[in-house]
PDB file of N, CA and C in Angstrom:
ATOM      1  N   MET A   1       3.013  -1.321  50.934  1.00  0.00           N
ATOM      2  CA  MET A   1       2.967  -2.810  51.275  1.00  0.00           C
ATOM      3  C   MET A   1       1.836  -3.131  52.239  1.00  0.00           C
ATOM      4  N   LYS A   2       1.512  -2.259  53.211  1.00  0.00           N
ATOM      5  CA  LYS A   2       0.429  -2.592  54.135  1.00  0.00           C
ATOM      6  C   LYS A   2      -0.930  -2.723  53.399  1.00  0.00           C
ATOM      7  N   HIS A   3      -1.009  -1.622  52.411  1.00  0.00           N
ATOM      8  CA  HIS A   3      -2.395  -1.338  51.745  1.00  0.00           C
ATOM      9  C   HIS A   3      -2.568  -2.701  50.943  1.00  0.00           C
ATOM     10  N   ARG A   4      -1.417  -3.110  50.182  1.00  0.00           N
ATOM     11  CA  ARG A   4      -1.431  -4.421  49.433  1.00  0.00           C
ATOM     12  C   ARG A   4      -1.783  -5.755  50.103  1.00  0.00           C
ATOM     13  N   PHE A   5      -1.519  -5.694  51.328  1.00  0.00           N
ATOM     14  CA  PHE A   5      -1.687  -6.821  52.186  1.00  0.00           C
ATOM     15  C   PHE A   5      -3.234  -6.869  52.713  1.00  0.00           C
ATOM     16  N   ILE A   6      -3.568  -5.870  53.099  1.00  0.00           N
ATOM     17  CA  ILE A   6      -4.956  -5.598  53.494  1.00  0.00           C
ATOM     18  C   ILE A   6      -5.974  -5.673  52.418  1.00  0.00           C
ATOM     19  N   PHE A   7      -5.593  -5.155  51.317  1.00  0.00           N
ATOM     20  CA  PHE A   7      -6.520  -5.205  50.039  1.00  0.00           C
ATOM     21  C   PHE A   7      -6.656  -6.744  49.502  1.00  0.00           C
ATOM     22  N   ALA A   8      -5.624  -7.543  49.557  1.00  0.00           N
ATOM     23  CA  ALA A   8      -5.416  -8.926  49.116  1.00  0.00           C
ATOM     24  C   ALA A   8      -6.363  -9.647  50.213  1.00  0.00           C
ATOM     25  N   LEU A   9      -6.253  -9.411  51.369  1.00  0.00           N
ATOM     26  CA  LEU A   9      -7.120 -10.158  52.384  1.00  0.00           C
ATOM     27  C   LEU A   9      -8.478  -9.906  52.421  1.00  0.00           C
ATOM     28  N   LEU A  10      -8.898  -8.440  52.083  1.00  0.00           N
ATOM     29  CA  LEU A  10     -10.164  -8.256  52.015  1.00  0.00           C
ATOM     30  C   LEU A  10     -11.004  -8.700  50.596  1.00  0.00           C
ATOM     31  N   MET A  11     -10.089  -8.751  49.691  1.00  0.00           N
ATOM     32  CA  MET A  11     -10.685  -9.133  48.368  1.00  0.00           C
ATOM     33  C   MET A  11     -10.705 -10.616  48.324  1.00  0.00           C
ATOM     34  N   SER A  12      -9.807 -11.332  48.807  1.00  0.00           N
ATOM     35  CA  SER A  12      -9.917 -12.837  48.642  1.00  0.00           C
ATOM     36  C   SER A  12     -10.933 -13.243  49.950  1.00  0.00           C
ATOM     37  N   PHE A  13     -11.137 -12.602  50.699  1.00  0.00           N
ATOM     38  CA  PHE A  13     -12.309 -12.974  51.825  1.00  0.00           C
ATOM     39  C   PHE A  13     -13.599 -12.784  51.156  1.00  0.00           C
ATOM     40  N   THR A  14     -13.943 -11.797  50.474  1.00  0.00           N
ATOM     41  CA  THR A  14     -15.086 -11.573  49.877  1.00  0.00           C
ATOM     42  C   THR A  14     -15.423 -12.346  48.826  1.00  0.00           C
ATOM     43  N   LEU A  15     -14.446 -12.612  47.933  1.00  0.00           N
ATOM     44  CA  LEU A  15     -14.581 -13.335  46.906  1.00  0.00           C
ATOM     45  C   LEU A  15     -14.827 -15.027  47.165  1.00  0.00           C
ATOM     46  N   THR A  16     -14.003 -15.408  47.841  1.00  0.00           N
ATOM     47  CA  THR A  16     -14.004 -16.736  48.409  1.00  0.00           C
ATOM     48  C   THR A  16     -15.476 -17.114  49.221  1.00  0.00           C
ATOM     49  N   LEU A  17     -15.870 -16.068  50.119  1.00  0.00           N
ATOM     50  CA  LEU A  17     -16.956 -16.295  50.852  1.00  0.00           C
ATOM     51  C   LEU A  17     -18.258 -16.565  49.907  1.00  0.00           C
ATOM     52  N   ILE A  18     -18.185 -15.539  48.854  1.00  0.00           N
ATOM     53  CA  ILE A  18     -19.415 -15.508  47.945  1.00  0.00           C
ATOM     54  C   ILE A  18     -19.302 -16.989  46.932  1.00  0.00           C
ATOM     55  N   MET A  19     -18.019 -17.060  46.407  1.00  0.00           N
ATOM     56  CA  MET A  19     -17.826 -18.306  45.440  1.00  0.00           C
ATOM     57  C   MET A  19     -18.095 -19.457  46.155  1.00  0.00           C
ATOM     58  N   SER A  20     -17.480 -19.709  47.313  1.00  0.00           N
ATOM     59  CA  SER A  20     -17.725 -21.129  47.866  1.00  0.00           C
ATOM     60  C   SER A  20     -19.042 -21.305  48.461  1.00  0.00           C
ATOM     61  N   ALA A  21     -19.914 -20.289  48.658  1.00  0.00           N
ATOM     62  CA  ALA A  21     -21.432 -20.342  48.883  1.00  0.00           C
ATOM     63  C   ALA A  21     -22.001 -20.886  47.725  1.00  0.00           C
ATOM     64  N   TRP A  22     -21.726 -20.191  46.620  1.00  0.00           N
ATOM     65  CA  TRP A  22     -22.583 -20.554  45.393  1.00  0.00           C
ATOM     66  C   TRP A  22     -22.039 -21.728  44.826  1.00  0.00           C
ATOM     67  N   ILE A  23     -20.705 -22.270  44.872  1.00  0.00           N
ATOM     68  CA  ILE A  23     -20.415 -23.610  44.558  1.00  0.00           C
ATOM     69  C   ILE A  23     -20.943 -24.711  45.293  1.00  0.00           C
ATOM     70  N   THR A  24     -20.779 -24.536  46.688  1.00  0.00           N
ATOM     71  CA  THR A  24     -21.552 -25.513  47.566  1.00  0.00           C
ATOM     72  C   THR A  24     -22.902 -25.567  47.367  1.00  0.00           C
ATOM     73  N   TYR A  25     -23.532 -24.545  47.049  1.00  0.00           N
ATOM     74  CA  TYR A  25     -25.183 -24.642  46.714  1.00  0.00           C
ATOM     75  C   TYR A  25     -25.396 -25.368  45.486  1.00  0.00           C
ATOM     76  N   LEU A  26     -24.509 -25.013  44.627  1.00  0.00           N
ATOM     77  CA  LEU A  26     -24.629 -25.962  43.276  1.00  0.00           C
ATOM     78  C   LEU A  26     -24.339 -27.440  43.444  1.00  0.00           C
ATOM     79  N   ASN A  27     -23.451 -27.603  44.301  1.00  0.00           N
ATOM     80  CA  ASN A  27     -23.101 -29.079  44.434  1.00  0.00           C
ATOM     81  C   ASN A  27     -24.051 -30.033  45.557  1.00  0.00           C
ATOM     82  N   ILE A  28     -24.658 -29.163  46.464  1.00  0.00           N
ATOM     83  CA  ILE A  28     -25.280 -29.710  47.466  1.00  0.00           C
ATOM     84  C   ILE A  28     -26.672 -29.442  47.736  1.00  0.00           C
ATOM     85  N   GLY A  29     -27.037 -28.195  47.102  1.00  0.00           N
ATOM     86  CA  GLY A  29     -28.227 -27.533  47.261  1.00  0.00           C
ATOM     87  C   GLY A  29     -28.438 -26.935  48.740  1.00  0.00           C
ATOM     88  N   LEU A  30     -29.569 -26.539  49.320  1.00  0.00           N
ATOM     89  CA  LEU A  30     -29.577 -26.309  50.609  1.00  0.00           C
ATOM     90  C   LEU A  30     -29.942 -27.348  51.547  1.00  0.00           C
ATOM     91  N   ALA A  31     -28.974 -28.197  51.625  1.00  0.00           N
ATOM     92  CA  ALA A  31     -29.022 -29.347  52.560  1.00  0.00           C
ATOM     93  C   ALA A  31     -28.887 -28.779  54.008  1.00  0.00           C
ATOM     94  N   PRO A  32     -29.321 -29.692  54.893  1.00  0.00           N
ATOM     95  CA  PRO A  32     -29.353 -29.338  56.346  1.00  0.00           C
ATOM     96  C   PRO A  32     -27.840 -28.953  56.902  1.00  0.00           C
ATOM     97  N   ASP A  33     -26.954 -29.622  56.255  1.00  0.00           N
ATOM     98  CA  ASP A  33     -25.617 -29.274  56.718  1.00  0.00           C
ATOM     99  C   ASP A  33     -24.749 -28.490  55.895  1.00  0.00           C
ATOM    100  N   PHE A  34     -25.682 -27.524  54.931  1.00  0.00           N
ATOM    101  CA  PHE A  34     -24.954 -26.633  53.881  1.00  0.00           C
ATOM    102  C   PHE A  34     -23.931 -25.778  54.693  1.00  0.00           C
ATOM    103  N   VAL A  35     -24.372 -25.219  55.729  1.00  0.00           N
ATOM    104  CA  VAL A  35     -23.392 -24.101  56.328  1.00  0.00           C
ATOM    105  C   VAL A  35     -21.951 -24.550  56.574  1.00  0.00           C
ATOM    106  N   SER A  36     -22.117 -25.971  57.240  1.00  0.00           N
ATOM    107  CA  SER A  36     -20.952 -26.622  57.580  1.00  0.00           C
ATOM    108  C   SER A  36     -20.055 -26.912  56.287  1.00  0.00           C
ATOM    109  N   PHE A  37     -20.630 -27.474  55.345  1.00  0.00           N
ATOM    110  CA  PHE A  37     -20.000 -27.780  54.105  1.00  0.00           C
ATOM    111  C   PHE A  37     -19.356 -26.328  53.374  1.00  0.00           C
ATOM    112  N   TRP A  38     -20.238 -25.331  53.610  1.00  0.00           N
ATOM    113  CA  TRP A  38     -19.928 -24.085  52.873  1.00  0.00           C
ATOM    114  C   TRP A  38     -18.594 -23.492  53.766  1.00  0.00           C
ATOM    115  N   MET A  39     -18.545 -23.458  54.803  1.00  0.00           N
ATOM    116  CA  MET A  39     -17.600 -23.046  55.917  1.00  0.00           C
ATOM    117  C   MET A  39     -16.310 -23.930  55.612  1.00  0.00           C
ATOM    118  N   HIS A  40     -16.339 -25.132  55.473  1.00  0.00           N
ATOM    119  CA  HIS A  40     -15.293 -26.015  55.284  1.00  0.00           C
ATOM    120  C   HIS A  40     -14.529 -25.480  53.831  1.00  0.00           C
ATOM    121  N   ALA A  41     -15.366 -25.318  52.710  1.00  0.00           N
ATOM    122  CA  ALA A  41     -14.964 -25.061  51.499  1.00  0.00           C
ATOM    123  C   ALA A  41     -14.094 -23.727  51.510  1.00  0.00           C
ATOM    124  N   TRP A  42     -14.886 -22.567  52.396  1.00  0.00           N
ATOM    125  CA  TRP A  42     -14.334 -21.457  52.459  1.00  0.00           C
ATOM    126  C   TRP A  42     -13.044 -21.428  53.159  1.00  0.00           C
ATOM    127  N   PHE A  43     -13.011 -21.957  54.177  1.00  0.00           N
ATOM    128  CA  PHE A  43     -11.744 -22.063  55.027  1.00  0.00           C
ATOM    129  C   PHE A  43     -10.635 -22.794  54.310  1.00  0.00           C
ATOM    130  N   LEU A  44     -10.912 -23.656  53.320  1.00  0.00           N
ATOM    131  CA  LEU A  44      -9.710 -24.177  52.458  1.00  0.00           C
ATOM    132  C   LEU A  44      -9.557 -23.021  51.322  1.00  0.00           C
ATOM    133  N   ALA A  45     -10.393 -22.326  50.803  1.00  0.00           N
ATOM    134  CA  ALA A  45     -10.082 -21.430  49.636  1.00  0.00           C
ATOM    135  C   ALA A  45      -9.371 -20.166  50.127  1.00  0.00           C
ATOM    136  N   TRP A  46      -9.909 -19.742  51.265  1.00  0.00           N
ATOM    137  CA  TRP A  46      -9.312 -18.283  51.503  1.00  0.00           C
ATOM    138  C   TRP A  46      -7.800 -18.209  51.491  1.00  0.00           C
ATOM    139  N   PRO A  47      -7.215 -18.903  52.591  1.00  0.00           N
ATOM    140  CA  PRO A  47      -5.611 -18.825  52.425  1.00  0.00           C
ATOM    141  C   PRO A  47      -5.101 -18.683  51.099  1.00  0.00           C
ATOM    142  N   VAL A  48      -5.365 -19.833  50.386  1.00  0.00           N
ATOM    143  CA  VAL A  48      -4.856 -19.946  48.819  1.00  0.00           C
ATOM    144  C   VAL A  48      -5.165 -18.701  48.076  1.00  0.00           C
ATOM    145  N   ALA A  49      -6.414 -18.191  48.158  1.00  0.00           N
ATOM    146  CA  ALA A  49      -6.957 -17.065  47.364  1.00  0.00           C
ATOM    147  C   ALA A  49      -6.150 -15.780  47.812  1.00  0.00           C
ATOM    148  N   GLY A  50      -6.091 -15.586  49.281  1.00  0.00           N
ATOM    149  CA  GLY A  50      -5.337 -14.527  49.855  1.00  0.00           C
ATOM    150  C   GLY A  50      -3.921 -14.498  49.353  1.00  0.00           C
ATOM    151  N   LEU A  51      -3.217 -15.560  49.138  1.00  0.00           N
ATOM    152  CA  LEU A  51      -1.754 -15.706  48.625  1.00  0.00           C
ATOM    153  C   LEU A  51      -1.710 -15.397  47.275  1.00  0.00           C
ATOM    154  N   VAL A  52      -2.419 -15.806  46.481  1.00  0.00           N
ATOM    155  CA  VAL A  52      -2.609 -15.608  44.972  1.00  0.00           C
ATOM    156  C   VAL A  52      -2.922 -14.063  44.616  1.00  0.00           C
ATOM    157  N   ALA A  53      -3.826 -13.532  45.451  1.00  0.00           N
ATOM    158  CA  ALA A  53      -4.095 -11.847  45.280  1.00  0.00           C
ATOM    159  C   ALA A  53      -3.002 -11.147  45.594  1.00  0.00           C
ATOM    160  N   PHE A  54      -2.225 -11.540  46.739  1.00  0.00           N
ATOM    161  CA  PHE A  54      -1.166 -10.679  47.252  1.00  0.00           C
ATOM    162  C   PHE A  54       0.000 -10.962  46.086  1.00  0.00           C
ATOM    163  N   ILE A  55       0.323 -12.080  45.522  1.00  0.00           N
ATOM    164  CA  ILE A  55       1.246 -12.256  44.698  1.00  0.00           C
ATOM    165  C   ILE A  55       1.029 -11.559  43.287  1.00  0.00           C
ATOM    166  N   ALA A  56      -0.149 -12.067  42.843  1.00  0.00           N
ATOM    167  CA  ALA A  56      -0.734 -11.584  41.396  1.00  0.00           C
ATOM    168  C   ALA A  56      -1.130 -10.485  41.358  1.00  0.00           C
ATOM    169  N   GLY A  57      -1.561  -9.739  42.554  1.00  0.00           N
ATOM    170  CA  GLY A  57      -2.146  -8.229  42.460  1.00  0.00           C
ATOM    171  C   GLY A  57      -1.391  -7.425  41.669  1.00  0.00           C
ATOM    172  N   PRO A  58       0.064  -7.119  41.927  1.00  0.00           N
ATOM    173  CA  PRO A  58       0.620  -6.049  41.322  1.00  0.00           C
ATOM    174  C   PRO A  58       0.939  -6.313  39.678  1.00  0.00           C
ATOM    175  N   PHE A  59       1.071  -7.522  39.515  1.00  0.00           N
ATOM    176  CA  PHE A  59       0.937  -7.888  38.036  1.00  0.00           C
ATOM    177  C   PHE A  59      -0.388  -7.655  37.151  1.00  0.00           C
ATOM    178  N   LEU A  60      -1.376  -8.028  37.881  1.00  0.00           N
ATOM    179  CA  LEU A  60      -2.683  -7.795  37.217  1.00  0.00           C
ATOM    180  C   LEU A  60      -3.352  -6.363  37.275  1.00  0.00           C
ATOM    181  N   HIS A  61      -2.669  -5.597  38.244  1.00  0.00           N
ATOM    182  CA  HIS A  61      -3.035  -4.232  38.373  1.00  0.00           C
ATOM    183  C   HIS A  61      -2.411  -3.482  37.189  1.00  0.00           C
ATOM    184  N   LYS A  62      -1.171  -3.779  36.774  1.00  0.00           N
ATOM    185  CA  LYS A  62      -0.437  -3.179  35.698  1.00  0.00           C
ATOM    186  C   LYS A  62      -0.826  -3.626  34.299  1.00  0.00           C
ATOM    187  N   LEU A  63      -1.423  -4.974  34.314  1.00  0.00           N
ATOM    188  CA  LEU A  63      -2.053  -5.516  32.967  1.00  0.00           C
ATOM    189  C   LEU A  63      -3.227  -4.726  32.775  1.00  0.00           C
ATOM    190  N   ALA A  64      -4.300  -4.559  33.895  1.00  0.00           N
ATOM    191  CA  ALA A  64      -5.532  -3.868  33.783  1.00  0.00           C
ATOM    192  C   ALA A  64      -5.128  -2.515  33.227  1.00  0.00           C
ATOM    193  N   GLN A  65      -4.093  -1.714  33.768  1.00  0.00           N
ATOM    194  CA  GLN A  65      -3.844  -0.335  33.373  1.00  0.00           C
ATOM    195  C   GLN A  65      -3.357  -0.355  31.935  1.00  0.00           C
ATOM    196  N   LYS A  66      -2.697  -1.378  31.279  1.00  0.00           N
ATOM    197  CA  LYS A  66      -2.427  -1.460  29.929  1.00  0.00           C
ATOM    198  C   LYS A  66      -3.418  -1.531  29.252  1.00  0.00           C
ATOM    199  N   ILE A  67      -4.405  -2.374  29.469  1.00  0.00           N
ATOM    200  CA  ILE A  67      -5.661  -2.565  28.702  1.00  0.00           C
ATOM    201  C   ILE A  67      -6.653  -1.399  28.811  1.00  0.00           C
ATOM    202  N   VAL A  68      -6.688  -0.554  29.726  1.00  0.00           N
ATOM    203  CA  VAL A  68      -7.470   0.489  29.772  1.00  0.00           C
ATOM    204  C   VAL A  68      -6.700   1.649  29.081  1.00  0.00           C
ATOM    205  N   ASP A  69      -5.530   1.927  29.061  1.00  0.00           N
ATOM    206  CA  ASP A  69      -4.713   2.674  28.203  1.00  0.00           C
ATOM    207  C   ASP A  69      -4.838   2.535  26.792  1.00  0.00           C
ATOM    208  N   ARG A  70      -5.166   1.242  26.324  1.00  0.00           N
ATOM    209  CA  ARG A  70      -5.245   0.755  24.939  1.00  0.00           C
ATOM    210  C   ARG A  70      -6.772   1.091  24.462  1.00  0.00           C
ATOM    211  N   MET A  71      -7.686   1.439  25.223  1.00  0.00           N
ATOM    212  CA  MET A  71      -9.032   1.633  25.013  1.00  0.00           C
ATOM    213  C   MET A  71      -9.485   3.034  24.561  1.00  0.00           C
TER     214      MET A  71
END
């Protein structure tokens, strides 16, 4: 359980940090307040992504294993 929790935190942190930067860049470009907008978007996204990763992770892991087994 501890591994699952830490993995969900790390994966959601990494994905939301990168994706929020990308989407913020696409929306406003490299504006002078880019970092402020980016950090705001990331701050809102990370808790949601962490929860989704924690809840959906076991199901998606099993689904990925089934897909790999059929290949």
